[in-house]
Amino acid sequence: MVVSGSVAQWAAWTGMRFPESGRYTVPGALAPVTIDRRRNRGCYVEPNVWMLHPVRAPGR
């Protein structure tokens, strides 16, 4: 999952301040938010892991 927004949007969504570019830990988030002040963007990328499990029919 990717959530991108302006620095002001991230401040409103999280109630946090982002005074400089960098990675910030947001309470309850699974990954840090990366803030780029020069581009006025914040980006949160939540990694997903997909696994394939074989399923066997009964009696096989």
C-alpha atoms as a PDB file:
ATOM      1  CA  MET A   1       0.000   0.000   0.000  1.00  0.00           C
ATOM      2  CA  VAL A   2       1.303   3.448  -0.902  1.00  0.00           C
ATOM      3  CA  VAL A   3      -0.051   6.710   0.546  1.00  0.00           C
ATOM      4  CA  SER A   4       1.368   9.946  -0.814  1.00  0.00           C
ATOM      5  CA  GLY A   5       0.509  13.520   0.081  1.00  0.00           C
ATOM      6  CA  SER A   6       1.873  16.968   0.764  1.00  0.00           C
ATOM      7  CA  VAL A   7       3.775  17.696   3.970  1.00  0.00           C
ATOM      8  CA  ALA A   8       0.749  19.689   5.197  1.00  0.00           C
ATOM      9  CA  GLN A   9      -1.538  16.721   4.524  1.00  0.00           C
ATOM     10  CA  TRP A  10       0.749  14.392   6.467  1.00  0.00           C
ATOM     11  CA  ALA A  11       0.836  16.869   9.344  1.00  0.00           C
ATOM     12  CA  ALA A  12      -2.982  17.000   9.372  1.00  0.00           C
ATOM     13  CA  TRP A  13      -3.387  13.222   9.074  1.00  0.00           C
ATOM     14  CA  THR A  14      -0.895  12.383  11.818  1.00  0.00           C
ATOM     15  CA  GLY A  15      -0.944  15.415  14.110  1.00  0.00           C
ATOM     16  CA  MET A  16       2.852  15.453  13.795  1.00  0.00           C
ATOM     17  CA  ARG A  17       5.350  18.071  12.629  1.00  0.00           C
ATOM     18  CA  PHE A  18       7.853  17.352   9.880  1.00  0.00           C
ATOM     19  CA  PRO A  19      10.438  20.159  10.126  1.00  0.00           C
ATOM     20  CA  GLU A  20      13.009  18.535   7.838  1.00  0.00           C
ATOM     21  CA  SER A  21      13.353  15.817   5.226  1.00  0.00           C
ATOM     22  CA  GLY A  22      13.815  12.289   6.501  1.00  0.00           C
ATOM     23  CA  ARG A  23      12.027   9.217   7.779  1.00  0.00           C
ATOM     24  CA  TYR A  24       9.538   9.585  10.615  1.00  0.00           C
ATOM     25  CA  THR A  25       7.939   6.942  12.805  1.00  0.00           C
ATOM     26  CA  VAL A  26       4.178   7.407  12.973  1.00  0.00           C
ATOM     27  CA  PRO A  27       2.408   5.725  15.912  1.00  0.00           C
ATOM     28  CA  GLY A  28       0.397   2.740  14.689  1.00  0.00           C
ATOM     29  CA  ALA A  29       2.052   2.613  11.272  1.00  0.00           C
ATOM     30  CA  LEU A  30       3.933  -0.481  10.113  1.00  0.00           C
ATOM     31  CA  ALA A  31       6.627   1.485   8.256  1.00  0.00           C
ATOM     32  CA  PRO A  32       8.111   4.985   8.501  1.00  0.00           C
ATOM     33  CA  VAL A  33       6.854   7.919   6.450  1.00  0.00           C
ATOM     34  CA  THR A  34       9.470   9.470   4.192  1.00  0.00           C
ATOM     35  CA  ILE A  35       9.235  13.259   4.043  1.00  0.00           C
ATOM     36  CA  ASP A  36      10.849  15.303   1.272  1.00  0.00           C
ATOM     37  CA  ARG A  37      10.562  18.988   2.203  1.00  0.00           C
ATOM     38  CA  ARG A  38      12.133  20.197  -1.059  1.00  0.00           C
ATOM     39  CA  ARG A  39       9.413  18.437  -3.087  1.00  0.00           C
ATOM     40  CA  ASN A  40       6.711  19.049  -0.439  1.00  0.00           C
ATOM     41  CA  ARG A  41       5.830  15.338  -0.436  1.00  0.00           C
ATOM     42  CA  GLY A  42       5.410  12.615   2.116  1.00  0.00           C
ATOM     43  CA  CYS A  43       5.216   8.973   1.134  1.00  0.00           C
ATOM     44  CA  TYR A  44       4.266   5.935   3.175  1.00  0.00           C
ATOM     45  CA  VAL A  45       4.937   2.499   1.707  1.00  0.00           C
ATOM     46  CA  GLU A  46       3.545  -0.424   3.659  1.00  0.00           C
ATOM     47  CA  PRO A  47       5.181  -3.644   2.514  1.00  0.00           C
ATOM     48  CA  ASN A  48       3.078  -6.681   1.753  1.00  0.00           C
ATOM     49  CA  VAL A  49       4.162 -10.283   1.699  1.00  0.00           C
ATOM     50  CA  TRP A  50       2.287 -12.666  -0.531  1.00  0.00           C
ATOM     51  CA  MET A  51       2.676 -16.391  -0.015  1.00  0.00           C
ATOM     52  CA  LEU A  52       1.457 -19.311  -2.056  1.00  0.00           C
ATOM     53  CA  HIS A  53       0.360 -22.364  -0.104  1.00  0.00           C
ATOM     54  CA  PRO A  54      -0.365 -25.639  -1.847  1.00  0.00           C
ATOM     55  CA  VAL A  55      -3.813 -27.013  -1.094  1.00  0.00           C
ATOM     56  CA  ARG A  56      -4.434 -30.727  -1.448  1.00  0.00           C
ATOM     57  CA  ALA A  57      -7.820 -32.284  -1.919  1.00  0.00           C
ATOM     58  CA  PRO A  58      -8.810 -34.722   0.882  1.00  0.00           C
ATOM     59  CA  GLY A  59      -7.491 -38.246   0.279  1.00  0.00           C
ATOM     60  CA  ARG A  60      -4.677 -37.251  -2.031  1.00  0.00           C
END
